[in-house]
Each structure stands twice: as structure tokens, then as C-alpha cells.
N, C-alpha and C. Protein backbone atom coordinates (compact mmCIF):
# COMPACT_ATOMS: atom_id res chain seq x y z
N MET A 1 -113.86 31.90 -232.35
CA MET A 1 -114.74 30.83 -232.60
C MET A 1 -113.80 29.59 -232.44
N LYS A 2 -114.47 28.55 -232.02
CA LYS A 2 -113.88 27.22 -231.87
C LYS A 2 -114.55 26.27 -232.76
N ILE A 3 -113.73 25.36 -233.47
CA ILE A 3 -114.30 24.42 -234.36
C ILE A 3 -113.90 22.88 -233.89
N PRO A 4 -114.74 21.97 -233.70
CA PRO A 4 -114.34 20.64 -233.32
C PRO A 4 -113.59 19.99 -234.53
N VAL A 5 -112.40 19.50 -234.25
CA VAL A 5 -111.70 18.84 -235.27
C VAL A 5 -110.87 17.61 -234.75
N THR A 6 -110.31 16.82 -235.67
CA THR A 6 -109.40 15.78 -235.41
C THR A 6 -108.22 15.96 -236.31
N ARG A 7 -107.15 15.09 -236.03
CA ARG A 7 -105.93 15.08 -236.72
C ARG A 7 -106.00 14.27 -237.91
N ASP A 8 -106.98 13.52 -238.19
CA ASP A 8 -107.04 12.74 -239.33
C ASP A 8 -108.42 12.81 -240.01
N LYS A 9 -108.39 12.68 -241.48
CA LYS A 9 -109.67 12.81 -242.19
C LYS A 9 -110.79 11.97 -241.85
N ASN A 10 -110.41 10.74 -241.31
CA ASN A 10 -111.39 9.82 -240.89
C ASN A 10 -112.07 10.00 -239.46
N ASN A 11 -111.66 11.04 -238.94
CA ASN A 11 -112.06 11.40 -237.49
C ASN A 11 -111.89 10.32 -236.51
N ASP A 12 -110.80 9.45 -236.64
CA ASP A 12 -110.54 8.46 -235.73
C ASP A 12 -109.78 8.93 -234.40
N THR A 13 -109.08 9.91 -234.61
CA THR A 13 -108.23 10.46 -233.49
C THR A 13 -109.08 11.46 -232.55
N PRO A 14 -108.63 11.62 -231.34
CA PRO A 14 -109.49 12.46 -230.34
C PRO A 14 -109.83 13.74 -230.91
N ILE A 15 -110.97 14.28 -230.47
CA ILE A 15 -111.51 15.46 -230.93
C ILE A 15 -111.04 16.53 -230.01
N PHE A 16 -110.70 17.65 -230.52
CA PHE A 16 -110.36 18.96 -229.76
C PHE A 16 -110.85 20.15 -230.48
N MET A 17 -110.87 21.21 -229.71
CA MET A 17 -111.48 22.51 -230.23
C MET A 17 -110.36 23.33 -230.90
N LEU A 18 -110.30 23.59 -232.22
CA LEU A 18 -109.39 24.51 -232.78
C LEU A 18 -109.86 25.78 -232.77
N ASP A 19 -109.14 26.80 -232.35
CA ASP A 19 -109.51 28.18 -232.33
C ASP A 19 -109.25 28.72 -233.82
N THR A 20 -110.32 29.35 -234.38
CA THR A 20 -110.12 29.96 -235.70
C THR A 20 -109.05 30.75 -235.76
N ALA A 21 -108.59 31.58 -234.74
CA ALA A 21 -107.53 32.38 -234.85
C ALA A 21 -106.15 31.76 -235.21
N ASP A 22 -106.06 30.38 -234.96
CA ASP A 22 -104.91 29.67 -235.18
C ASP A 22 -104.83 29.08 -236.72
N ILE A 23 -106.00 29.32 -237.50
CA ILE A 23 -106.03 28.81 -238.89
C ILE A 23 -105.25 29.80 -239.87
N LEU A 24 -104.36 29.24 -240.71
CA LEU A 24 -103.69 30.10 -241.63
C LEU A 24 -104.57 30.19 -242.83
N TYR A 25 -105.14 29.10 -243.38
CA TYR A 25 -105.99 28.80 -244.47
C TYR A 25 -106.83 27.64 -244.36
N ILE A 26 -107.94 27.48 -245.19
CA ILE A 26 -108.71 26.40 -245.29
C ILE A 26 -108.63 25.88 -246.77
N GLN A 27 -108.52 24.58 -246.96
CA GLN A 27 -108.44 24.15 -248.39
C GLN A 27 -109.23 22.70 -248.42
N THR A 28 -109.40 22.25 -249.61
CA THR A 28 -109.92 21.05 -249.75
C THR A 28 -108.80 20.12 -250.45
N ASP A 29 -108.94 18.84 -250.01
CA ASP A 29 -108.02 17.83 -250.47
C ASP A 29 -108.81 16.54 -250.71
N GLU A 30 -108.87 16.30 -252.10
CA GLU A 30 -109.77 15.09 -252.38
C GLU A 30 -111.18 15.09 -251.73
N GLY A 31 -111.70 16.27 -251.85
CA GLY A 31 -113.20 16.55 -251.27
C GLY A 31 -113.34 16.71 -249.97
N THR A 32 -112.17 16.67 -249.12
CA THR A 32 -112.19 16.84 -247.62
C THR A 32 -111.68 18.15 -247.26
N ILE A 33 -112.34 18.95 -246.48
CA ILE A 33 -111.93 20.24 -245.90
C ILE A 33 -110.72 19.95 -244.88
N VAL A 34 -109.84 20.88 -245.02
CA VAL A 34 -108.54 20.80 -244.22
C VAL A 34 -108.25 22.20 -243.80
N PHE A 35 -108.05 22.17 -242.37
CA PHE A 35 -107.60 23.46 -241.79
C PHE A 35 -106.24 23.43 -241.68
N GLN A 36 -105.55 24.42 -242.08
CA GLN A 36 -103.92 24.47 -242.01
C GLN A 36 -103.66 25.46 -241.02
N THR A 37 -102.80 25.13 -239.87
CA THR A 37 -102.28 26.01 -239.05
C THR A 37 -100.77 26.07 -239.32
N ALA A 38 -100.03 26.86 -238.45
CA ALA A 38 -98.56 26.83 -238.71
C ALA A 38 -97.75 25.56 -238.48
N SER A 39 -98.40 24.81 -237.75
CA SER A 39 -97.76 23.46 -237.38
C SER A 39 -98.39 22.13 -237.86
N GLU A 40 -99.67 22.17 -238.13
CA GLU A 40 -100.45 20.87 -238.47
C GLU A 40 -101.51 21.20 -239.42
N SER A 41 -102.13 20.04 -239.86
CA SER A 41 -103.27 19.96 -240.52
C SER A 41 -104.55 19.30 -239.79
N TYR A 42 -105.67 19.96 -239.82
CA TYR A 42 -106.76 19.31 -239.06
C TYR A 42 -107.99 19.21 -239.88
N TYR A 43 -108.86 18.30 -239.50
CA TYR A 43 -110.06 18.06 -240.24
C TYR A 43 -111.27 18.23 -239.35
N PRO A 44 -112.26 18.91 -240.00
CA PRO A 44 -113.54 19.04 -239.15
C PRO A 44 -114.27 17.79 -238.83
N LEU A 45 -114.88 17.75 -237.71
CA LEU A 45 -115.53 16.59 -237.38
C LEU A 45 -116.67 16.31 -238.41
N ALA A 46 -116.75 15.29 -238.93
CA ALA A 46 -117.79 15.08 -240.05
C ALA A 46 -119.22 14.84 -239.44
N PRO A 47 -120.17 15.43 -239.94
CA PRO A 47 -121.45 15.26 -239.17
C PRO A 47 -122.12 13.96 -239.55
N SER A 48 -121.73 12.92 -239.06
CA SER A 48 -122.34 11.62 -239.33
C SER A 48 -122.59 10.85 -237.99
N LEU A 49 -123.54 10.05 -237.95
CA LEU A 49 -123.76 9.31 -236.85
C LEU A 49 -122.73 8.34 -236.41
N SER A 50 -121.99 7.82 -237.43
CA SER A 50 -120.85 6.85 -237.18
C SER A 50 -119.56 7.61 -236.53
N THR A 51 -119.40 8.89 -236.96
CA THR A 51 -118.37 9.67 -236.34
C THR A 51 -118.69 9.86 -234.89
N TYR A 52 -119.90 10.26 -234.60
CA TYR A 52 -120.27 10.57 -233.16
C TYR A 52 -120.21 9.29 -232.48
N VAL A 53 -120.59 8.12 -232.96
CA VAL A 53 -120.44 6.84 -232.28
C VAL A 53 -118.99 6.65 -231.78
N LYS A 54 -118.15 6.87 -232.49
CA LYS A 54 -116.69 6.59 -232.16
C LYS A 54 -116.26 7.52 -230.91
N HIS A 55 -116.74 8.72 -230.95
CA HIS A 55 -116.29 9.74 -230.02
C HIS A 55 -117.20 9.99 -228.67
N LEU A 56 -118.49 9.50 -228.75
CA LEU A 56 -119.38 9.71 -227.73
C LEU A 56 -119.53 8.53 -226.71
N GLU A 57 -119.24 7.39 -227.12
CA GLU A 57 -119.33 6.31 -226.34
C GLU A 57 -118.80 6.45 -224.87
N GLN A 58 -117.67 6.93 -224.69
CA GLN A 58 -117.01 7.22 -223.49
C GLN A 58 -118.01 8.21 -222.57
N TYR A 59 -118.89 8.88 -223.16
CA TYR A 59 -119.76 9.82 -222.43
C TYR A 59 -121.19 9.21 -222.24
N GLY A 60 -121.27 7.90 -222.48
CA GLY A 60 -122.52 7.30 -222.19
C GLY A 60 -123.53 7.11 -223.40
N PHE A 61 -122.97 7.49 -224.60
CA PHE A 61 -124.01 7.29 -225.77
C PHE A 61 -123.84 5.91 -226.30
N HIS A 62 -124.88 5.28 -226.72
CA HIS A 62 -125.04 3.99 -227.35
C HIS A 62 -125.90 4.06 -228.49
N LYS A 63 -125.54 3.25 -229.52
CA LYS A 63 -126.33 3.25 -230.74
C LYS A 63 -127.31 2.02 -230.51
N LEU A 64 -128.69 2.43 -230.39
CA LEU A 64 -129.52 1.43 -230.11
C LEU A 64 -130.32 1.15 -231.40
N ASP A 65 -130.16 1.93 -232.52
CA ASP A 65 -130.85 1.64 -233.82
C ASP A 65 -129.98 2.27 -234.98
N ARG A 66 -130.18 2.00 -236.07
CA ARG A 66 -129.29 2.53 -237.23
C ARG A 66 -129.60 4.13 -237.28
N ILE A 67 -130.72 4.60 -236.79
CA ILE A 67 -131.06 5.97 -236.84
C ILE A 67 -130.90 6.89 -235.60
N ASN A 68 -130.15 6.28 -234.56
CA ASN A 68 -129.99 6.99 -233.38
C ASN A 68 -128.70 6.73 -232.60
N LEU A 69 -128.32 7.54 -231.73
CA LEU A 69 -127.36 7.37 -230.79
C LEU A 69 -127.83 7.98 -229.38
N VAL A 70 -128.09 7.19 -228.39
CA VAL A 70 -128.81 7.46 -227.18
C VAL A 70 -127.92 7.70 -226.00
N ASN A 71 -128.18 8.73 -225.29
CA ASN A 71 -127.42 9.02 -224.07
C ASN A 71 -128.08 8.17 -222.91
N LYS A 72 -127.35 7.03 -222.58
CA LYS A 72 -127.98 6.02 -221.64
C LYS A 72 -128.33 6.64 -220.22
N ASN A 73 -127.64 7.78 -219.87
CA ASN A 73 -127.95 8.39 -218.67
C ASN A 73 -129.22 9.19 -218.61
N LYS A 74 -129.94 9.25 -219.73
CA LYS A 74 -131.23 10.05 -219.83
C LYS A 74 -132.36 9.25 -219.92
N ILE A 75 -132.14 7.84 -220.13
CA ILE A 75 -133.29 6.95 -220.39
C ILE A 75 -134.06 6.75 -218.89
N VAL A 76 -135.36 7.02 -218.86
CA VAL A 76 -136.09 6.68 -217.71
C VAL A 76 -137.03 5.57 -217.83
N ALA A 77 -137.41 5.09 -219.11
CA ALA A 77 -138.43 3.97 -219.26
C ALA A 77 -138.07 3.27 -220.57
N TYR A 78 -138.59 1.94 -220.67
CA TYR A 78 -138.32 1.25 -221.83
C TYR A 78 -139.54 0.46 -222.06
N ASP A 79 -140.15 0.37 -223.21
CA ASP A 79 -141.19 -0.32 -223.62
C ASP A 79 -140.70 -1.38 -224.61
N HIS A 80 -140.46 -2.53 -224.13
CA HIS A 80 -139.70 -3.67 -224.85
C HIS A 80 -140.57 -4.09 -226.05
N ASP A 81 -142.05 -4.27 -225.80
CA ASP A 81 -142.89 -4.70 -226.81
C ASP A 81 -142.86 -3.82 -228.06
N HIS A 82 -142.82 -2.47 -227.76
CA HIS A 82 -142.76 -1.49 -228.96
C HIS A 82 -141.39 -1.01 -229.34
N GLY A 83 -140.35 -1.50 -228.59
CA GLY A 83 -139.10 -1.14 -228.94
C GLY A 83 -138.70 0.19 -228.87
N LYS A 84 -139.11 0.98 -227.73
CA LYS A 84 -138.86 2.39 -227.33
C LYS A 84 -138.24 2.64 -226.11
N VAL A 85 -137.31 3.67 -226.02
CA VAL A 85 -136.75 4.12 -224.82
C VAL A 85 -137.35 5.50 -224.62
N PHE A 86 -137.65 5.99 -223.45
CA PHE A 86 -138.14 7.24 -223.14
C PHE A 86 -137.31 7.98 -222.08
N PHE A 87 -137.40 9.36 -222.41
CA PHE A 87 -136.47 10.29 -221.65
C PHE A 87 -137.20 11.13 -220.69
N GLU A 88 -138.39 11.12 -220.68
CA GLU A 88 -139.27 11.89 -219.63
C GLU A 88 -139.96 11.02 -218.62
N SER A 89 -140.83 11.49 -217.94
CA SER A 89 -141.61 10.77 -216.95
C SER A 89 -141.94 9.41 -217.41
N VAL A 90 -141.90 8.37 -216.55
CA VAL A 90 -142.32 7.04 -216.82
C VAL A 90 -143.74 6.98 -217.30
N ASP A 91 -144.61 7.83 -216.58
CA ASP A 91 -145.99 7.98 -216.89
C ASP A 91 -146.28 8.59 -218.20
N ASP A 92 -145.47 9.30 -218.79
CA ASP A 92 -145.54 10.17 -220.00
C ASP A 92 -145.05 9.36 -221.17
N LYS A 93 -145.78 8.38 -221.57
CA LYS A 93 -145.29 7.64 -222.72
C LYS A 93 -145.42 8.27 -224.12
N GLN A 94 -146.02 9.50 -224.00
CA GLN A 94 -146.08 10.45 -225.21
C GLN A 94 -144.89 11.34 -225.34
N GLY A 95 -143.97 11.41 -224.42
CA GLY A 95 -142.91 12.33 -224.34
C GLY A 95 -141.80 11.93 -225.22
N LYS A 96 -140.68 12.58 -225.18
CA LYS A 96 -139.62 12.20 -226.05
C LYS A 96 -139.12 10.72 -226.02
N SER A 97 -138.89 10.20 -227.06
CA SER A 97 -138.63 8.75 -227.23
C SER A 97 -137.78 8.55 -228.44
N THR A 98 -137.23 7.32 -228.44
CA THR A 98 -136.54 6.89 -229.79
C THR A 98 -136.70 5.20 -229.81
N THR A 99 -136.18 4.72 -230.77
CA THR A 99 -136.35 3.32 -231.10
C THR A 99 -135.22 2.53 -230.77
N VAL A 100 -135.56 1.22 -230.38
CA VAL A 100 -134.39 0.25 -230.15
C VAL A 100 -134.66 -0.78 -231.37
N ALA A 101 -133.61 -1.03 -232.11
CA ALA A 101 -133.62 -2.00 -233.35
C ALA A 101 -134.25 -3.25 -232.94
N PHE A 102 -135.33 -3.63 -233.77
CA PHE A 102 -136.00 -4.88 -233.41
C PHE A 102 -135.04 -6.03 -233.26
N MET A 103 -134.07 -6.19 -234.06
CA MET A 103 -133.09 -7.31 -234.01
C MET A 103 -132.21 -7.28 -232.78
N HIS A 104 -132.19 -6.06 -232.12
CA HIS A 104 -131.30 -5.97 -230.81
C HIS A 104 -132.05 -5.67 -229.57
N ARG A 105 -133.28 -5.88 -229.67
CA ARG A 105 -134.18 -5.68 -228.48
C ARG A 105 -133.91 -6.66 -227.36
N SER A 106 -133.86 -7.94 -227.61
CA SER A 106 -133.71 -8.94 -226.62
C SER A 106 -132.13 -8.88 -226.03
N LYS A 107 -131.25 -8.58 -226.98
CA LYS A 107 -129.75 -8.53 -226.60
C LYS A 107 -129.56 -7.20 -225.69
N LEU A 108 -130.32 -6.21 -225.90
CA LEU A 108 -130.03 -4.94 -225.22
C LEU A 108 -131.03 -4.78 -224.07
N ARG A 109 -131.94 -5.46 -223.96
CA ARG A 109 -132.91 -5.42 -222.72
C ARG A 109 -132.40 -5.33 -221.40
N GLN A 110 -131.41 -6.14 -220.95
CA GLN A 110 -130.81 -6.21 -219.71
C GLN A 110 -130.06 -4.88 -219.48
N ASP A 111 -129.33 -4.46 -220.47
CA ASP A 111 -128.42 -3.38 -220.37
C ASP A 111 -129.47 -2.04 -220.15
N ILE A 112 -130.45 -1.89 -220.93
CA ILE A 112 -131.35 -0.84 -220.83
C ILE A 112 -131.95 -0.76 -219.50
N GLU A 113 -132.50 -1.90 -219.12
CA GLU A 113 -133.06 -1.87 -217.80
C GLU A 113 -132.19 -1.62 -216.58
N ARG A 114 -130.87 -2.09 -216.73
CA ARG A 114 -129.82 -1.59 -215.77
C ARG A 114 -129.64 -0.08 -215.88
N TRP A 115 -129.48 0.54 -217.01
CA TRP A 115 -129.36 1.87 -217.10
C TRP A 115 -130.47 2.67 -216.57
N ILE A 116 -131.62 2.26 -216.66
CA ILE A 116 -132.89 2.88 -216.09
C ILE A 116 -132.78 2.80 -214.56
N ASP A 117 -132.46 1.73 -214.06
CA ASP A 117 -132.33 1.53 -212.52
C ASP A 117 -131.29 2.50 -212.08
N GLU A 118 -130.12 2.60 -212.64
CA GLU A 118 -129.04 3.53 -212.33
C GLU A 118 -129.53 4.93 -212.29
N ASN A 119 -130.23 5.32 -213.43
CA ASN A 119 -130.72 6.59 -213.58
C ASN A 119 -131.70 6.93 -212.49
N ILE A 120 -132.70 6.16 -212.24
CA ILE A 120 -133.74 6.37 -211.19
C ILE A 120 -132.81 6.48 -209.86
N ASN A 121 -132.08 5.61 -209.52
CA ASN A 121 -131.34 5.79 -208.24
C ASN A 121 -130.40 6.93 -208.05
N ARG A 122 -130.01 7.44 -209.17
CA ARG A 122 -129.28 8.59 -209.27
C ARG A 122 -130.01 9.82 -208.98
N SER A 123 -131.14 9.87 -209.50
CA SER A 123 -132.24 10.84 -209.36
C SER A 123 -132.82 11.04 -207.95
N ASP A 124 -132.86 9.81 -207.36
CA ASP A 124 -133.40 9.71 -205.91
C ASP A 124 -132.57 10.32 -204.94
N THR A 125 -131.16 10.38 -205.29
CA THR A 125 -130.18 10.93 -204.27
C THR A 125 -130.06 12.46 -204.35
């Protein structure tokens, strides 16, 4: 089995997959889990949105609200008035959606609309 880890407890360094066969032992250090191998110490990827923000932006994920991290490559529609992005058919406003923070709607509008245009053009090819 492989476990996503980083080389620092704040998960600021790049993520890589640590093979459990390489782990000598697992311990806690000041409340943080540490995987010890023959050569290094590794820290599991902390399951928090802020950790994922750091590592997934390069793959097209953007924080649109304090409660979400959105894959811009999957957005197909945007309702600016209600502050929602949609991931399914433009006609299906009842499908999967998530929110855009009220205070960021105007600032993000052009970006979101550009992402939608790129996504639609990509799906047409």
C-alpha cells in the first residue's frame, strides 16, 4: 500500500507516495504522526482543505469559497446571481454544484467565465 506523504509536518514540500514496505515504524511527535524509514522521516498528508490548496493548484484546483476547492477544468456553467458553479449540463441547474464566495464573485467572474469557455471548447474537439 502507498500513503501520500511530505517531508515536513506542515505539508509544504511536494507530495509523494510512500510504500508501506519501506516504513520501519510509525510514531507521534508533538501530536503529529511520523513515518520513519531507514533514511528519512515522512509526514502523512493532513486532511485539510488548506493542505490540498497548496498542492492541487497546479492541477487546476481553485478555492472559490471557504468550504470548497474546485477543479476549474470541470466547470460548465456559472450562475453569478446565486454564486454557484455547475459541473454537469448547462441545462441541468439541479446537478452537482458548489458555491462561490459572495465577496469574491465579481473578482472571479471573468476567470470562471474563461474557464467555462475553455472547457466547452475542449469538449467540442
